[in-house]
């Protein structure tokens, strides 16, 4: 007599649920055994120590946890096979960029819904993205370890973007204005890294989040992005707004159409896609990059605030092959990252009439679930999140990993959102000491 196996669900990059705890809650409501694979990051071990002293911590909803580097694909496959012998694995979800490719391989092996092997492979490498999606890409030149020095010695088209093909969170992306600087910056990268020299596109930046089921886009929306140029060299996102507010009808249609064509080219099947674009002054849409995973930052929480419905539950439905839908936004939501000066983090303070205390993620390991506002509710500060620990050294921001704190707000109208943001920028300070 065979023993019925418990239903299992795999989360790749599961500790990112620290900012998306609804993923764990949704899976437990469906009575899944939650199986987590994540990178062996010291912060995640710290989160487990926090869990040990809190019987109600959301991370207790993780039933089995293994730490394996995403580059160790055979080890990950071995672990999945071990789980398959114990559990009836019904689905999986990838939250972290580094696991996108292996998540695609595992999903294909288990025959569970997923963006697809082709989409997962292409989205994991910026060179492959440029090659497969060159119709919507800036002009580019590939630099391999063998030829990077020679090509750069004869390169004369500036300004240009220099970027590694395998990193994420804007890591290593630099604006280069002359050949001498280009040659000197090559040493910033590992000898074995492949790089891109990419045409620098001036223009407004957006992302498109699309929910796809059985190859059909069932929902798509545009997020407005603001970036900050650091030392005329690095470009760091400093805010996201859902939905975008500074697009014409033609621009909106063009962005969504371009994204649809890109997804078709990738043969994207089931899941969420997050693609970043720039619109040049002539109206042309350029693809910056595309991901076969959940969006970064707190964009999924912004969708919850804007629509009133958690995006996480829909993503789980897509991963399980359950017919689903998602509403259009009815409010405007924004995430803003705080600026800081290099130094040791002392505190994040807020003054005036904003009665809100920051959530220090290193102390809690998880953020609290937020309540979305009513359609006509006044502009509201929903949460402040600090990613670093007191006393931790803060570097100048050169990638998304260097950002220290953020806050989330929502409002009935964009103007109300802008006014609240300006008030908060005047009221909040990241204090550092040398």
Protein backbone atom coordinates (compact mmCIF):
# COMPACT_ATOMS: atom_id res chain seq x y z
CA UNK A 1 0.00 0.00 0.00
CA UNK A 2 1.51 3.31 -1.08
CA UNK A 3 1.64 6.19 1.38
CA UNK A 4 0.11 9.43 0.15
CA UNK A 5 2.79 12.11 -0.02
CA UNK A 6 2.20 15.61 1.29
CA UNK A 7 1.89 18.36 -1.30
CA UNK A 8 5.10 20.38 -1.63
CA UNK A 9 5.99 23.75 -3.14
CA UNK A 10 9.55 24.97 -3.79
CA UNK A 11 10.61 28.58 -3.24
CA UNK A 12 13.87 29.55 -4.92
CA UNK A 13 15.31 32.53 -3.07
CA UNK A 14 12.74 31.96 -0.35
CA UNK A 15 14.25 34.34 2.18
CA UNK A 16 13.19 37.23 -0.02
CA UNK A 17 9.83 36.45 1.57
CA UNK A 18 11.16 38.71 4.34
CA UNK A 19 9.65 41.59 2.34
CA UNK A 20 6.87 39.47 0.78
CA UNK A 21 5.55 37.37 3.70
CA UNK A 22 2.22 36.90 1.90
CA UNK A 23 3.92 34.26 -0.26
CA UNK A 24 4.41 32.05 2.79
CA UNK A 25 0.95 32.78 4.15
CA UNK A 26 -0.68 31.91 0.82
CA UNK A 27 1.19 28.61 0.54
CA UNK A 28 0.28 27.61 4.09
CA UNK A 29 -3.38 28.47 3.50
CA UNK A 30 -3.19 25.99 0.61
CA UNK A 31 -1.67 23.43 3.04
CA UNK A 32 1.63 23.09 1.18
CA UNK A 33 4.87 21.89 2.67
CA UNK A 34 7.11 24.88 1.91
CA UNK A 35 10.56 23.85 0.62
CA UNK A 36 13.14 26.65 0.44
CA UNK A 37 16.38 26.81 -1.51
CA UNK A 38 18.49 29.91 -1.04
CA UNK A 39 22.03 31.22 -1.28
CA UNK A 40 24.15 30.72 1.88
CA UNK A 41 24.03 34.41 2.82
CA UNK A 42 25.06 35.28 6.42
CA UNK A 43 21.94 37.46 6.73
CA UNK A 44 19.70 34.44 6.16
CA UNK A 45 21.40 32.51 8.96
CA UNK A 46 20.78 35.58 11.09
CA UNK A 47 17.08 35.47 10.17
CA UNK A 48 16.94 31.85 11.33
CA UNK A 49 18.41 32.87 14.70
CA UNK A 50 15.67 35.50 14.99
CA UNK A 51 13.09 32.83 14.18
CA UNK A 52 14.41 30.57 16.93
CA UNK A 53 13.35 33.11 19.59
CA UNK A 54 9.93 33.91 18.12
CA UNK A 55 7.41 31.07 17.96
CA UNK A 56 5.09 33.18 15.77
CA UNK A 57 7.73 34.29 13.26
CA UNK A 58 6.52 33.91 9.64
CA UNK A 59 9.66 31.96 8.74
CA UNK A 60 8.32 29.03 10.77
CA UNK A 61 6.08 28.56 7.74
CA UNK A 62 9.19 27.31 5.92
CA UNK A 63 9.20 23.56 6.49
CA UNK A 64 12.55 22.60 4.97
CA UNK A 65 15.43 24.96 4.22
CA UNK A 66 18.64 24.23 2.36
CA UNK A 67 21.39 26.67 1.48
CA UNK A 68 22.98 25.98 -1.91
CA UNK A 69 24.77 28.40 -4.22
CA UNK A 70 22.75 29.01 -7.42
CA UNK A 71 25.82 28.10 -9.49
CA UNK A 72 25.78 24.57 -7.98
CA UNK A 73 23.02 23.38 -10.29
CA UNK A 74 23.73 19.66 -9.93
CA UNK A 75 23.57 19.94 -6.14
CA UNK A 76 20.24 21.75 -6.42
CA UNK A 77 18.87 19.07 -8.74
CA UNK A 78 20.01 16.37 -6.31
CA UNK A 79 18.16 18.14 -3.49
CA UNK A 80 15.01 18.47 -5.61
CA UNK A 81 15.08 14.74 -6.41
CA UNK A 82 15.37 13.99 -2.70
CA UNK A 83 12.33 16.16 -2.02
CA UNK A 84 10.44 14.56 -4.90
CA UNK A 85 10.79 11.18 -3.20
CA UNK A 86 9.13 12.60 -0.06
CA UNK A 87 6.61 15.10 -1.40
CA UNK A 88 4.18 15.53 -4.25
CA UNK A 89 5.71 18.73 -5.62
CA UNK A 90 2.91 20.73 -7.21
CA UNK A 91 4.75 23.91 -8.14
CA UNK A 92 7.63 26.30 -7.64
CA UNK A 93 8.32 30.01 -7.64
CA UNK A 94 11.58 31.91 -8.19
CA UNK A 95 11.97 35.17 -6.28
CA UNK A 96 15.72 35.77 -6.69
CA UNK A 97 17.42 36.52 -10.01
CA UNK A 98 20.33 34.14 -9.43
CA UNK A 99 18.01 31.11 -9.34
CA UNK A 100 16.00 31.86 -12.50
CA UNK A 101 17.84 29.44 -14.78
CA UNK A 102 17.96 26.48 -12.42
CA UNK A 103 14.32 27.08 -11.45
CA UNK A 104 13.45 26.72 -15.13
CA UNK A 105 15.37 23.46 -15.35
CA UNK A 106 13.70 22.08 -12.21
CA UNK A 107 10.22 23.10 -13.38
CA UNK A 108 10.81 21.41 -16.71
CA UNK A 109 11.98 18.23 -14.98
CA UNK A 110 8.95 18.20 -12.68
CA UNK A 111 6.49 19.21 -15.42
CA UNK A 112 5.02 22.07 -13.37
CA UNK A 113 3.96 25.49 -14.76
CA UNK A 114 6.81 27.94 -15.27
CA UNK A 115 7.93 30.67 -17.70
CA UNK A 116 9.74 27.96 -19.69
CA UNK A 117 13.30 26.78 -20.27
CA UNK A 118 13.89 29.19 -23.15
CA UNK A 119 12.64 32.23 -21.23
CA UNK A 120 14.55 31.25 -18.09
CA UNK A 121 17.84 30.80 -19.94
CA UNK A 122 17.63 34.01 -21.96
CA UNK A 123 16.47 36.12 -19.01
CA UNK A 124 19.45 34.92 -16.94
CA UNK A 125 22.03 36.49 -19.25
CA UNK A 126 22.06 40.06 -20.57
CA UNK A 127 24.05 39.01 -23.65
CA UNK A 128 21.39 36.46 -24.55
CA UNK A 129 18.72 39.09 -23.98
CA UNK A 130 20.43 41.43 -26.39
CA UNK A 131 20.89 38.63 -28.93
CA UNK A 132 17.34 37.25 -28.84
CA UNK A 133 15.60 40.60 -28.33
CA UNK A 134 17.86 42.81 -30.45
CA UNK A 135 14.87 44.29 -32.31
CA UNK A 136 14.09 46.33 -29.18
CA UNK A 137 17.63 46.63 -27.80
CA UNK A 138 20.19 49.45 -27.90
CA UNK A 139 23.27 48.93 -30.05
CA UNK A 140 25.80 46.80 -28.20
CA UNK A 141 29.23 45.19 -28.37
CA UNK A 142 30.16 42.03 -26.49
CA UNK A 143 33.42 41.91 -24.53
CA UNK A 144 34.72 38.45 -23.69
CA UNK A 145 37.67 37.93 -21.33
CA UNK A 146 39.84 37.16 -24.35
CA UNK A 147 39.11 40.26 -26.42
CA UNK A 148 37.92 42.96 -24.02
CA UNK A 149 41.23 44.82 -23.88
CA UNK A 150 41.72 44.85 -27.65
CA UNK A 151 38.17 45.97 -28.45
CA UNK A 152 38.24 48.74 -25.87
CA UNK A 153 41.59 49.97 -27.20
CA UNK A 154 39.88 50.73 -30.52
CA UNK A 155 36.50 51.87 -29.22
CA UNK A 156 35.63 55.53 -29.82
CA UNK A 157 31.84 55.92 -29.45
CA UNK A 158 30.94 57.69 -26.21
CA UNK A 159 29.13 58.01 -23.87
CA UNK A 160 28.58 54.28 -23.46
CA UNK A 161 27.29 51.95 -20.77
CA UNK A 162 29.59 49.22 -19.48
CA UNK A 163 27.77 46.35 -17.79
CA UNK A 164 28.42 42.74 -16.75
CA UNK A 165 26.11 40.16 -18.31
CA UNK A 166 25.41 38.07 -15.20
CA UNK A 167 24.98 40.53 -12.32
CA UNK A 168 21.80 42.10 -10.97
CA UNK A 169 20.54 45.10 -8.91
CA UNK A 170 22.45 47.49 -11.21
CA UNK A 171 25.72 46.04 -9.93
CA UNK A 172 28.65 46.96 -12.15
CA UNK A 173 26.66 49.15 -14.56
CA UNK A 174 28.72 52.26 -15.31
CA UNK A 175 28.48 55.24 -17.64
CA UNK A 176 31.76 55.74 -19.50
CA UNK A 177 32.56 59.02 -21.26
CA UNK A 178 35.98 58.43 -22.83
CA UNK A 179 38.39 55.69 -23.87
CA UNK A 180 40.90 56.28 -21.09
CA UNK A 181 38.20 55.79 -18.47
CA UNK A 182 36.90 52.72 -20.29
CA UNK A 183 40.30 51.04 -20.23
CA UNK A 184 40.83 51.86 -16.56
CA UNK A 185 37.39 50.54 -15.55
CA UNK A 186 37.95 47.08 -17.00
CA UNK A 187 39.83 46.16 -13.84
CA UNK A 188 36.59 46.66 -11.84
CA UNK A 189 35.37 43.30 -13.15
CA UNK A 190 36.46 39.74 -12.58
CA UNK A 191 38.81 38.40 -15.29
CA UNK A 192 36.28 35.74 -16.33
CA UNK A 193 33.27 38.08 -16.60
CA UNK A 194 31.63 38.76 -19.94
CA UNK A 195 30.75 42.42 -20.43
CA UNK A 196 28.61 44.56 -22.70
CA UNK A 197 29.35 47.94 -24.18
CA UNK A 198 25.90 49.35 -24.72
CA UNK A 199 24.51 52.46 -26.36
CA UNK A 200 23.46 54.97 -23.69
CA UNK A 201 19.77 55.78 -24.15
CA UNK A 202 18.57 59.08 -22.74
CA UNK A 203 14.94 58.94 -21.75
CA UNK A 204 12.31 58.17 -19.15
CA UNK A 205 12.48 54.76 -17.51
CA UNK A 206 9.64 52.34 -16.82
CA UNK A 207 9.04 48.70 -16.06
CA UNK A 208 6.23 46.47 -17.26
CA UNK A 209 4.92 43.72 -15.01
CA UNK A 210 2.99 41.05 -16.90
CA UNK A 211 1.10 38.01 -15.64
CA UNK A 212 1.14 35.21 -18.19
CA UNK A 213 -0.87 31.99 -18.19
CA UNK A 214 -0.47 29.31 -20.85
CA UNK A 215 1.37 31.82 -23.04
CA UNK A 216 -1.36 34.47 -22.82
CA UNK A 217 -0.87 37.81 -21.03
CA UNK A 218 -3.79 38.05 -18.59
CA UNK A 219 -2.64 41.30 -16.92
CA UNK A 220 0.00 43.93 -17.58
CA UNK A 221 0.75 47.30 -16.05
CA UNK A 222 3.45 49.94 -16.27
CA UNK A 223 5.52 51.07 -13.29
CA UNK A 224 7.20 54.48 -13.41
CA UNK A 225 10.83 54.55 -12.30
CA UNK A 226 13.18 57.32 -11.20
CA UNK A 227 16.92 56.82 -11.18
CA UNK A 228 19.71 58.86 -9.65
CA UNK A 229 23.03 59.37 -11.35
CA UNK A 230 25.90 58.95 -8.88
CA UNK A 231 29.16 60.73 -9.70
CA UNK A 232 28.26 60.81 -13.41
CA UNK A 233 28.93 57.06 -13.40
CA UNK A 234 26.35 54.83 -11.67
CA UNK A 235 22.57 54.72 -12.16
CA UNK A 236 20.51 53.68 -9.15
CA UNK A 237 16.70 53.39 -9.01
CA UNK A 238 15.37 55.69 -6.28
CA UNK A 239 11.61 55.30 -6.68
CA UNK A 240 8.85 53.19 -8.23
CA UNK A 241 5.27 54.34 -8.84
CA UNK A 242 2.32 52.02 -9.63
CA UNK A 243 0.70 52.80 -12.01
CA UNK A 244 2.89 55.14 -14.11
CA UNK A 245 1.59 58.71 -14.28
CA UNK A 246 3.60 60.48 -17.00
CA UNK A 247 2.73 58.54 -20.16
CA UNK A 248 0.56 59.47 -23.12
CA UNK A 249 -1.97 56.95 -24.40
CA UNK A 250 0.25 56.26 -27.41
CA UNK A 251 3.31 55.71 -25.22
CA UNK A 252 1.37 53.34 -22.98
CA UNK A 253 0.13 51.32 -25.95
CA UNK A 254 3.62 51.22 -27.48
CA UNK A 255 5.22 50.01 -24.23
CA UNK A 256 2.66 47.28 -23.68
CA UNK A 257 2.84 46.17 -27.31
CA UNK A 258 6.64 45.98 -27.21
CA UNK A 259 6.51 43.95 -24.01
CA UNK A 260 3.95 41.58 -25.52
CA UNK A 261 6.19 40.97 -28.53
CA UNK A 262 9.23 40.39 -26.32
CA UNK A 263 7.33 37.80 -24.27
CA UNK A 264 6.23 36.04 -27.45
CA UNK A 265 9.83 35.95 -28.66
CA UNK A 266 10.83 34.36 -25.35
CA UNK A 267 7.97 31.84 -25.62
CA UNK A 268 7.00 32.86 -22.08
CA UNK A 269 4.47 30.38 -20.68
CA UNK A 270 3.38 30.76 -17.03
CA UNK A 271 4.36 33.25 -14.36
CA UNK A 272 5.26 36.88 -13.87
CA UNK A 273 7.65 38.83 -16.10
CA UNK A 274 9.35 42.07 -15.09
CA UNK A 275 10.90 44.09 -17.93
CA UNK A 276 12.61 47.49 -17.82
CA UNK A 277 12.43 49.98 -20.69
CA UNK A 278 13.41 53.50 -21.65
CA UNK A 279 11.45 55.76 -23.97
CA UNK A 280 13.78 57.97 -26.02
CA UNK A 281 12.96 61.53 -27.05
CA UNK A 282 11.85 60.29 -30.49
CA UNK A 283 9.31 57.96 -28.84
CA UNK A 284 11.18 54.74 -29.55
CA UNK A 285 10.97 52.09 -26.83
CA UNK A 286 14.26 50.42 -25.82
CA UNK A 287 14.46 47.27 -23.74
CA UNK A 288 16.94 47.62 -20.87
CA UNK A 289 16.48 44.12 -19.42
CA UNK A 290 13.81 41.51 -18.78
CA UNK A 291 13.40 39.04 -15.92
CA UNK A 292 11.44 35.79 -15.58
CA UNK A 293 10.77 36.28 -11.87
CA UNK A 294 9.01 38.47 -9.35
CA UNK A 295 9.97 42.17 -9.56
CA UNK A 296 12.52 43.53 -7.11
CA UNK A 297 12.26 46.25 -4.51
CA UNK A 298 8.79 46.43 -2.98
CA UNK A 299 7.00 46.57 -6.32
CA UNK A 300 4.72 43.64 -5.46
CA UNK A 301 3.62 45.46 -2.31
CA UNK A 302 2.93 48.56 -4.40
CA UNK A 303 0.56 46.49 -6.52
CA UNK A 304 -1.25 45.37 -3.38
CA UNK A 305 -1.63 48.99 -2.27
CA UNK A 306 -2.72 50.12 -5.74
CA UNK A 307 -5.20 47.34 -6.54
CA UNK A 308 -6.29 46.15 -3.11
CA UNK A 309 -5.35 42.55 -3.97
CA UNK A 310 -2.07 40.81 -3.06
CA UNK A 311 -0.05 39.94 -6.14
CA UNK A 312 1.58 37.02 -4.34
CA UNK A 313 -1.58 34.89 -4.31
CA UNK A 314 -1.99 35.32 -8.07
CA UNK A 315 1.64 34.35 -8.70
CA UNK A 316 1.11 31.18 -6.66
CA UNK A 317 -2.01 30.40 -8.72
CA UNK A 318 0.02 30.78 -11.93
CA UNK A 319 2.66 28.42 -10.54
CA UNK A 320 -0.04 25.85 -9.78
CA UNK A 321 -1.82 26.17 -13.12
CA UNK A 322 -4.98 27.56 -11.48
CA UNK A 323 -7.03 29.94 -13.64
CA UNK A 324 -6.63 33.43 -12.21
CA UNK A 325 -7.00 37.14 -12.87
CA UNK A 326 -5.90 40.44 -11.37
CA UNK A 327 -7.60 43.86 -11.12
CA UNK A 328 -6.33 47.12 -12.55
CA UNK A 329 -4.98 49.73 -10.07
CA UNK A 330 -7.48 52.00 -8.36
CA UNK A 331 -5.00 54.02 -6.27
CA UNK A 332 -1.45 55.25 -6.80
CA UNK A 333 1.39 53.74 -4.76
CA UNK A 334 5.05 54.71 -4.54
CA UNK A 335 8.27 53.39 -3.06
CA UNK A 336 11.07 55.88 -2.36
CA UNK A 337 14.62 55.04 -1.29
CA UNK A 338 16.37 57.40 1.12
CA UNK A 339 19.71 58.98 0.33
CA UNK A 340 22.59 58.73 2.78
CA UNK A 341 26.17 59.82 3.31
CA UNK A 342 28.88 57.16 3.71
CA UNK A 343 29.62 56.30 7.31
CA UNK A 344 28.45 54.10 10.18
CA UNK A 345 24.66 53.90 10.37
CA UNK A 346 23.47 55.59 13.55
CA UNK A 347 19.73 55.94 13.02
CA UNK A 348 16.86 56.63 10.63
CA UNK A 349 14.73 59.41 12.08
CA UNK A 350 11.40 60.93 11.13
CA UNK A 351 10.10 64.24 12.47
CA UNK A 352 6.97 66.40 12.33
CA UNK A 353 3.56 64.72 12.41
CA UNK A 354 4.42 61.34 10.90
CA UNK A 355 3.72 58.89 13.70
CA UNK A 356 5.57 55.95 12.24
CA UNK A 357 8.58 53.98 13.42
CA UNK A 358 10.90 52.24 10.95
CA UNK A 359 10.99 48.47 10.68
CA UNK A 360 14.61 47.41 11.07
CA UNK A 361 14.72 44.30 8.88
CA UNK A 362 17.93 42.92 10.48
CA UNK A 363 16.07 42.89 13.83
CA UNK A 364 12.75 41.45 12.67
CA UNK A 365 13.71 39.34 9.65
CA UNK A 366 10.40 40.21 8.05
CA UNK A 367 8.14 43.18 7.32
CA UNK A 368 4.53 43.34 8.43
CA UNK A 369 1.65 42.93 6.02
CA UNK A 370 0.17 46.26 4.93
CA UNK A 371 -3.45 47.29 4.69
CA UNK A 372 -4.37 48.81 1.32
CA UNK A 373 -6.34 52.05 1.48
CA UNK A 374 -9.88 52.70 0.33
CA UNK A 375 -10.22 54.27 -3.12
CA UNK A 376 -10.70 57.83 -1.80
CA UNK A 377 -8.56 57.52 1.34
CA UNK A 378 -6.10 60.42 1.90
CA UNK A 379 -2.43 60.04 1.03
CA UNK A 380 -0.86 57.76 3.62
CA UNK A 381 2.59 56.65 4.75
CA UNK A 382 2.28 52.87 4.97
CA UNK A 383 5.71 51.76 6.19
CA UNK A 384 9.40 52.60 6.55
CA UNK A 385 11.90 49.76 6.13
CA UNK A 386 15.59 49.85 7.08
CA UNK A 387 17.73 47.17 5.41
CA UNK A 388 20.97 47.70 7.34
CA UNK A 389 21.95 47.32 11.01
CA UNK A 390 22.87 50.12 13.38
CA UNK A 391 26.63 50.51 13.38
CA UNK A 392 27.00 48.96 9.91
CA UNK A 393 29.30 50.79 7.51
CA UNK A 394 27.38 52.37 4.63
CA UNK A 395 29.15 52.73 1.32
CA UNK A 396 28.34 55.22 -1.39
CA UNK A 397 25.40 53.83 -3.36
CA UNK A 398 26.75 52.15 -6.50
CA UNK A 399 24.19 49.33 -6.73
CA UNK A 400 20.79 48.44 -5.33
CA UNK A 401 22.44 46.41 -2.57
CA UNK A 402 23.93 49.60 -1.06
CA UNK A 403 20.59 51.29 -0.35
CA UNK A 404 19.82 51.61 3.35
CA UNK A 405 16.15 52.49 3.77
CA UNK A 406 12.88 52.97 1.93
CA UNK A 407 9.30 54.02 2.55
CA UNK A 408 5.98 53.18 0.88
CA UNK A 409 3.09 55.60 0.37
CA UNK A 410 -0.21 55.59 -1.50
CA UNK A 411 -2.87 58.11 -2.49
CA UNK A 412 -6.04 58.56 -4.51
CA UNK A 413 -4.37 60.98 -6.96
CA UNK A 414 -0.78 61.46 -8.22
CA UNK A 415 -0.60 65.07 -6.98
CA UNK A 416 -1.41 63.92 -3.45
CA UNK A 417 1.33 61.31 -3.74
CA UNK A 418 3.85 63.96 -4.82
CA UNK A 419 2.97 66.28 -1.92
CA UNK A 420 3.31 63.50 0.63
CA UNK A 421 6.67 62.47 -0.83
CA UNK A 422 8.01 66.03 -0.55
CA UNK A 423 6.86 66.26 3.07
CA UNK A 424 8.52 62.96 3.91
CA UNK A 425 11.78 63.86 2.22
CA UNK A 426 11.93 66.93 4.46
CA UNK A 427 11.01 64.93 7.56
CA UNK A 428 13.25 61.85 7.21
CA UNK A 429 17.01 61.58 7.67
CA UNK A 430 19.53 58.76 7.60
CA UNK A 431 22.09 59.62 10.29
CA UNK A 432 25.64 58.36 9.84
CA UNK A 433 28.85 58.89 11.80
CA UNK A 434 32.47 58.61 10.76
